[in-house]
N, C-alpha and C. Protein backbone atom coordinates (compact mmCIF):
# COMPACT_ATOMS: atom_id res chain seq x y z
N UNK A 1 95.22 132.08 47.45
CA UNK A 1 94.55 133.32 46.88
C UNK A 1 95.07 133.70 45.58
N UNK A 2 94.04 133.32 44.69
CA UNK A 2 95.17 133.53 43.47
C UNK A 2 93.54 134.00 42.38
N UNK A 3 94.02 135.12 41.66
CA UNK A 3 93.46 135.61 40.63
C UNK A 3 94.21 136.26 39.81
N UNK A 4 94.29 135.95 38.56
CA UNK A 4 95.41 135.89 37.48
C UNK A 4 94.54 137.01 36.64
N UNK A 5 95.47 138.10 36.10
CA UNK A 5 95.52 138.91 35.07
C UNK A 5 96.13 138.74 33.53
N UNK A 6 95.20 138.88 33.03
CA UNK A 6 96.06 138.04 31.23
C UNK A 6 97.02 139.52 31.19
N UNK A 7 97.74 139.80 30.40
CA UNK A 7 98.27 140.71 30.05
C UNK A 7 97.82 141.85 29.19
N UNK A 8 96.23 141.48 28.27
CA UNK A 8 96.21 142.59 28.05
C UNK A 8 94.96 142.75 29.48
N UNK A 9 94.54 142.43 30.12
CA UNK A 9 93.83 142.98 31.08
C UNK A 9 94.20 143.51 31.95
N UNK A 10 95.55 143.37 32.12
CA UNK A 10 96.42 144.14 33.19
C UNK A 10 96.37 145.65 32.44
N UNK A 11 97.09 145.86 31.14
CA UNK A 11 97.29 146.93 30.67
C UNK A 11 95.87 147.57 30.68
N UNK A 12 94.69 146.84 30.54
CA UNK A 12 93.40 147.92 29.80
C UNK A 12 93.39 148.40 31.57
N UNK A 13 93.14 147.93 32.64
CA UNK A 13 92.72 147.84 34.23
C UNK A 13 94.02 149.16 34.79
N UNK A 14 94.98 149.13 34.17
CA UNK A 14 95.85 150.18 34.46
C UNK A 14 95.78 151.62 33.67
N UNK A 15 95.03 151.16 32.51
CA UNK A 15 95.08 152.43 31.97
C UNK A 15 93.28 153.06 32.38
N UNK A 16 92.71 152.12 33.09
CA UNK A 16 92.02 152.62 34.09
C UNK A 16 92.16 153.01 35.06
N UNK A 17 92.92 152.91 35.97
CA UNK A 17 92.97 152.98 37.36
C UNK A 17 94.01 155.09 37.18
N UNK A 18 95.17 154.74 36.09
CA UNK A 18 95.82 155.67 35.92
C UNK A 18 94.91 156.97 35.70
N UNK A 19 93.71 157.09 34.87
CA UNK A 19 93.01 157.52 34.57
C UNK A 19 91.72 158.34 35.09
N UNK A 20 91.64 157.40 36.40
CA UNK A 20 90.28 157.76 37.37
C UNK A 20 90.61 158.22 37.94
N UNK A 21 91.92 158.59 39.05
CA UNK A 21 92.14 159.38 40.22
C UNK A 21 93.25 160.03 40.29
N UNK A 22 92.77 161.12 41.32
CA UNK A 22 93.84 162.13 41.62
C UNK A 22 94.71 161.40 42.03
N UNK A 23 96.26 161.84 41.76
CA UNK A 23 97.42 161.41 42.42
C UNK A 23 97.96 161.09 43.44
N UNK A 24 96.77 161.54 44.70
CA UNK A 24 96.78 161.49 46.05
C UNK A 24 96.31 160.00 46.27
N UNK A 25 95.51 159.13 45.63
CA UNK A 25 94.28 158.03 45.24
C UNK A 25 94.97 157.08 45.00
N UNK A 26 96.51 157.43 43.97
CA UNK A 26 96.48 156.20 42.91
C UNK A 26 97.22 154.92 44.04
N UNK A 27 98.13 155.71 45.06
CA UNK A 27 98.76 154.15 45.61
C UNK A 27 97.49 152.86 46.37
N UNK A 28 96.43 153.30 46.23
CA UNK A 28 95.52 152.25 46.97
C UNK A 28 94.59 151.88 46.07
N UNK A 29 94.44 152.82 44.90
CA UNK A 29 93.53 152.61 43.52
C UNK A 29 93.90 151.49 43.23
N UNK A 30 92.75 150.51 43.10
CA UNK A 30 92.58 149.14 42.17
C UNK A 30 90.82 149.01 41.82
N UNK A 31 91.15 147.71 41.61
CA UNK A 31 89.43 146.81 41.38
C UNK A 31 89.13 145.80 42.73
N UNK A 32 88.16 145.83 42.55
CA UNK A 32 87.55 144.97 43.75
C UNK A 32 86.66 144.03 42.62
N UNK A 33 86.63 142.63 43.17
CA UNK A 33 86.24 141.74 42.34
C UNK A 33 85.61 140.96 43.09
N UNK A 34 83.92 140.40 42.73
CA UNK A 34 83.06 139.67 43.93
C UNK A 34 82.06 138.73 42.67
N UNK A 35 81.96 137.96 43.48
CA UNK A 35 80.44 137.13 42.83
C UNK A 35 78.95 137.34 43.99
N UNK A 36 78.58 137.76 43.12
CA UNK A 36 76.83 138.59 43.94
C UNK A 36 76.12 137.71 43.85
N UNK A 37 74.95 137.62 44.18
CA UNK A 37 73.42 136.74 44.07
C UNK A 37 72.84 137.31 42.72
N UNK A 38 72.82 136.98 41.64
CA UNK A 38 72.16 137.37 40.32
C UNK A 38 72.76 137.05 39.24
N UNK A 39 72.21 137.37 38.26
CA UNK A 39 72.38 136.62 36.94
C UNK A 39 71.35 135.64 35.91
N UNK A 40 71.99 134.88 35.08
CA UNK A 40 70.79 133.70 35.13
C UNK A 40 71.57 132.46 35.54
N UNK A 41 72.33 132.33 36.09
CA UNK A 41 72.75 130.96 37.08
C UNK A 41 73.23 131.34 38.49
N UNK A 42 73.01 131.88 38.59
CA UNK A 42 73.03 132.58 40.73
C UNK A 42 73.91 133.47 41.33
N UNK A 43 75.32 133.26 40.59
CA UNK A 43 75.81 134.34 40.97
C UNK A 43 76.38 134.52 39.47
N UNK A 44 76.55 136.23 39.52
CA UNK A 44 77.24 137.50 39.05
C UNK A 44 78.58 138.13 38.77
N UNK A 45 79.24 137.98 38.06
CA UNK A 45 80.48 138.50 38.53
C UNK A 45 80.46 139.66 38.53
N UNK A 46 81.20 140.69 39.88
CA UNK A 46 81.04 142.55 39.89
C UNK A 46 82.54 142.89 39.54
N UNK A 47 82.95 143.76 39.44
CA UNK A 47 84.45 144.50 38.84
C UNK A 47 83.92 145.85 39.11
N UNK A 48 84.83 146.58 40.13
CA UNK A 48 84.71 147.78 40.17
C UNK A 48 86.26 148.54 40.63
N UNK A 49 86.06 150.10 40.46
CA UNK A 49 87.34 150.39 40.59
C UNK A 49 87.07 151.17 41.70
N UNK A 50 87.82 150.96 42.68
CA UNK A 50 88.32 151.39 44.37
C UNK A 50 89.06 152.17 44.68
N UNK A 51 88.57 153.35 45.42
CA UNK A 51 90.39 153.36 46.05
C UNK A 51 89.84 153.39 47.72
N UNK A 52 88.97 152.32 48.21
CA UNK A 52 88.73 152.03 49.66
C UNK A 52 88.47 150.94 49.63
N UNK A 53 89.47 149.76 49.91
CA UNK A 53 89.54 148.29 50.20
C UNK A 53 88.72 148.42 51.42
N UNK A 54 87.89 147.40 51.32
CA UNK A 54 87.38 146.88 52.80
C UNK A 54 88.04 146.09 53.92
N UNK A 55 87.98 145.83 55.31
CA UNK A 55 88.72 146.00 55.69
C UNK A 55 89.23 144.35 55.58
N UNK A 56 88.03 143.70 55.67
CA UNK A 56 88.25 142.19 54.85
C UNK A 56 88.68 141.49 53.60
N UNK A 57 88.57 142.46 52.89
CA UNK A 57 88.94 142.35 51.45
C UNK A 57 90.33 141.17 51.46
N UNK A 58 90.42 140.16 50.31
CA UNK A 58 91.93 139.66 49.86
C UNK A 58 92.42 140.41 49.09
N UNK A 59 93.64 140.75 49.44
CA UNK A 59 94.65 142.04 48.68
C UNK A 59 95.32 140.96 47.97
N UNK A 60 95.28 141.19 46.12
CA UNK A 60 96.32 140.57 45.50
C UNK A 60 97.12 141.25 44.45
N UNK A 61 98.10 141.81 44.59
CA UNK A 61 99.07 142.34 43.72
C UNK A 61 99.36 141.58 42.61
N UNK A 62 99.33 141.91 41.28
CA UNK A 62 99.03 141.63 39.92
C UNK A 62 99.60 142.64 39.02
N UNK A 63 100.85 142.26 38.51
CA UNK A 63 101.96 143.48 38.15
C UNK A 63 101.93 144.47 38.51
N UNK A 64 101.43 146.00 38.24
CA UNK A 64 100.98 147.12 38.72
C UNK A 64 99.89 147.35 38.88
N UNK A 65 98.71 146.26 39.45
CA UNK A 65 97.39 146.26 39.68
C UNK A 65 96.95 146.00 40.67
N UNK A 66 96.36 146.41 41.90
CA UNK A 66 95.81 145.67 42.90
C UNK A 66 94.39 145.13 42.92
N UNK A 67 94.23 144.14 43.05
CA UNK A 67 93.25 143.22 43.30
C UNK A 67 92.63 143.24 44.70
N UNK A 68 91.42 143.57 44.88
CA UNK A 68 90.22 143.16 46.32
C UNK A 68 89.66 142.34 46.21
N UNK A 69 89.66 141.14 46.77
CA UNK A 69 88.64 140.42 46.57
C UNK A 69 87.78 140.44 47.55
N UNK A 70 86.13 140.79 47.47
CA UNK A 70 85.29 140.48 48.67
C UNK A 70 85.70 138.94 49.21
N UNK A 71 85.78 139.39 50.06
CA UNK A 71 86.27 137.67 51.50
C UNK A 71 84.99 136.86 51.50
N UNK A 72 83.35 136.86 51.02
CA UNK A 72 83.18 136.17 50.98
C UNK A 72 82.93 135.24 49.65
N UNK A 73 83.45 136.04 48.76
CA UNK A 73 83.65 135.53 47.16
C UNK A 73 84.31 134.54 46.90
N UNK A 74 85.80 134.77 47.35
CA UNK A 74 86.92 134.34 47.72
C UNK A 74 87.36 132.96 47.17
N UNK A 75 86.73 132.23 47.77
CA UNK A 75 86.56 130.51 46.98
C UNK A 75 86.08 129.93 45.88
N UNK A 76 85.00 131.18 45.57
CA UNK A 76 84.51 131.54 44.45
C UNK A 76 85.00 131.58 43.23
N UNK A 77 86.14 132.67 43.58
CA UNK A 77 87.00 133.47 42.25
C UNK A 77 88.47 132.37 42.22
N UNK A 78 88.59 131.53 43.10
CA UNK A 78 89.87 131.24 43.69
C UNK A 78 90.24 130.31 42.27
N UNK A 79 91.83 130.61 42.03
CA UNK A 79 92.15 130.38 40.43
C UNK A 79 91.31 130.84 39.05
N UNK A 80 90.55 132.19 39.21
CA UNK A 80 90.53 132.46 38.11
C UNK A 80 91.20 133.24 37.41
N UNK A 81 90.70 133.26 35.79
CA UNK A 81 91.50 134.08 35.18
C UNK A 81 90.98 135.36 34.25
N UNK A 82 91.28 136.43 34.57
CA UNK A 82 90.45 137.89 33.39
C UNK A 82 91.01 138.42 32.67
N UNK A 83 90.46 137.80 31.62
CA UNK A 83 91.11 138.32 30.28
C UNK A 83 90.72 139.60 29.74
N UNK A 84 91.06 140.46 29.05
CA UNK A 84 90.01 141.36 28.18
C UNK A 84 90.57 141.17 26.46
N UNK A 85 88.79 141.01 26.31
CA UNK A 85 89.01 140.86 24.81
C UNK A 85 88.41 141.93 23.67
N UNK A 86 88.80 141.95 22.45
CA UNK A 86 88.39 143.07 21.92
C UNK A 86 88.19 142.72 20.58
N UNK A 87 86.87 142.57 20.14
CA UNK A 87 86.52 142.06 18.73
C UNK A 87 85.26 142.75 18.18
N UNK A 88 85.21 142.87 16.77
CA UNK A 88 83.89 142.96 16.41
C UNK A 88 82.58 142.91 16.74
N UNK A 89 82.39 141.38 17.24
CA UNK A 89 81.26 140.87 17.64
C UNK A 89 81.44 141.33 19.44
N UNK A 90 82.38 141.23 20.55
CA UNK A 90 82.57 141.35 21.37
C UNK A 90 83.89 141.80 21.97
N UNK A 91 83.43 142.87 23.24
CA UNK A 91 84.62 143.49 23.65
C UNK A 91 84.44 143.46 24.99
N UNK A 92 85.15 143.23 25.99
CA UNK A 92 84.92 143.20 27.57
C UNK A 92 85.87 142.63 28.17
N UNK A 93 85.74 142.78 29.45
CA UNK A 93 86.44 141.61 30.50
C UNK A 93 85.83 140.26 30.04
N UNK A 94 86.94 139.43 30.31
CA UNK A 94 86.24 137.64 29.81
C UNK A 94 86.47 137.19 31.24
N UNK A 95 85.63 136.11 31.92
CA UNK A 95 86.37 135.07 33.18
C UNK A 95 86.33 134.28 33.07
N UNK A 96 87.35 133.25 33.59
CA UNK A 96 87.29 131.94 33.00
C UNK A 96 87.80 131.63 34.22
N UNK A 97 86.56 130.64 35.15
CA UNK A 97 86.75 130.35 36.87
C UNK A 97 86.11 129.00 36.58
N UNK A 98 87.54 128.53 37.37
CA UNK A 98 87.68 126.55 37.49
C UNK A 98 86.56 126.21 38.12
N UNK A 99 85.81 127.11 39.31
CA UNK A 99 84.62 126.81 40.14
C UNK A 99 83.41 127.01 39.70
N UNK A 100 83.32 127.36 38.43
CA UNK A 100 81.95 127.21 37.66
C UNK A 100 81.57 125.99 36.97
N UNK A 101 80.35 125.79 37.50
CA UNK A 101 80.24 124.40 36.89
C UNK A 101 79.10 124.72 35.97
N UNK A 102 78.58 126.11 35.40
CA UNK A 102 77.57 126.32 34.15
C UNK A 102 77.89 127.68 34.22
N UNK A 103 77.89 128.38 33.23
CA UNK A 103 78.08 129.98 32.66
C UNK A 103 76.75 129.61 31.75
N UNK A 104 76.10 130.95 31.65
CA UNK A 104 75.40 131.57 30.68
C UNK A 104 76.23 131.92 29.88
N UNK A 105 75.42 132.37 28.42
CA UNK A 105 76.23 132.43 27.41
C UNK A 105 76.88 133.72 27.52
N UNK A 106 76.41 134.89 28.12
CA UNK A 106 76.87 136.19 27.78
C UNK A 106 78.62 136.13 28.63
N UNK A 107 78.62 134.90 29.73
CA UNK A 107 80.11 134.94 30.48
C UNK A 107 79.67 135.75 31.61
N UNK A 108 78.91 136.46 32.21
CA UNK A 108 78.67 137.20 33.37
C UNK A 108 78.27 136.49 34.42
N UNK A 109 77.70 135.63 34.71
CA UNK A 109 77.10 134.54 35.88
C UNK A 109 77.40 133.49 35.62
N UNK A 110 77.58 132.59 36.54
CA UNK A 110 77.73 131.35 36.99
C UNK A 110 77.37 130.49 37.69
N UNK A 111 77.04 129.61 37.99
CA UNK A 111 76.88 128.61 39.11
C UNK A 111 78.02 127.41 39.47
N UNK A 112 78.03 127.81 40.63
CA UNK A 112 79.06 126.44 41.77
C UNK A 112 78.30 124.83 41.92
N UNK A 113 77.94 124.34 41.57
CA UNK A 113 77.73 122.77 42.09
C UNK A 113 76.32 123.31 42.94
N UNK A 114 75.50 122.54 43.56
CA UNK A 114 74.27 123.14 43.88
C UNK A 114 74.19 123.60 44.99
N UNK A 115 75.09 124.79 44.97
CA UNK A 115 74.63 126.38 46.06
C UNK A 115 73.75 127.07 45.52
N UNK A 116 73.64 127.32 46.57
CA UNK A 116 72.47 128.58 46.40
C UNK A 116 72.88 129.96 46.03
N UNK A 117 72.52 130.78 45.52
CA UNK A 117 72.81 132.19 45.33
C UNK A 117 73.52 132.86 46.77
N UNK A 118 74.54 132.82 48.12
CA UNK A 118 74.82 133.47 48.87
C UNK A 118 76.01 133.42 49.05
N UNK A 119 76.69 133.48 47.69
CA UNK A 119 78.15 134.13 47.65
C UNK A 119 78.89 133.30 48.60
N UNK A 120 78.42 132.51 49.26
CA UNK A 120 79.41 131.05 49.64
C UNK A 120 79.57 130.22 49.01
N UNK A 121 80.85 129.57 49.52
CA UNK A 121 81.46 128.31 48.48
C UNK A 121 80.45 127.07 48.63
N UNK A 122 80.25 125.84 47.28
CA UNK A 122 79.31 124.65 47.88
C UNK A 122 80.28 123.78 48.23
N UNK A 123 80.25 123.22 49.36
CA UNK A 123 81.12 122.12 49.94
C UNK A 123 81.11 121.32 50.93
């Protein structure tokens, strides 16, 4: 399982993680990434800060950031790159997913082949 954070994304996430938890929670504090039913293309990306990984989460350590990937979403997100962009017209996290066959203009939702939106891979 591979999800890559760009340097900018890692720096931004580290600042969120360090500023959002008491010292006792920092060792397990990370982000949970998932693909959920919804959006204009069938799936939408989910990303949240968490200090309690679920038992079936796939755990990835990228630099100093722990990434917990929802097990049902893992194959849909395999190889994804998460970047952070800052600009006059757009700021936020940007997802580049090699499994997406179509994305909406906002970049927050995607489709993967002829799958129905159930959070499972199309194979």
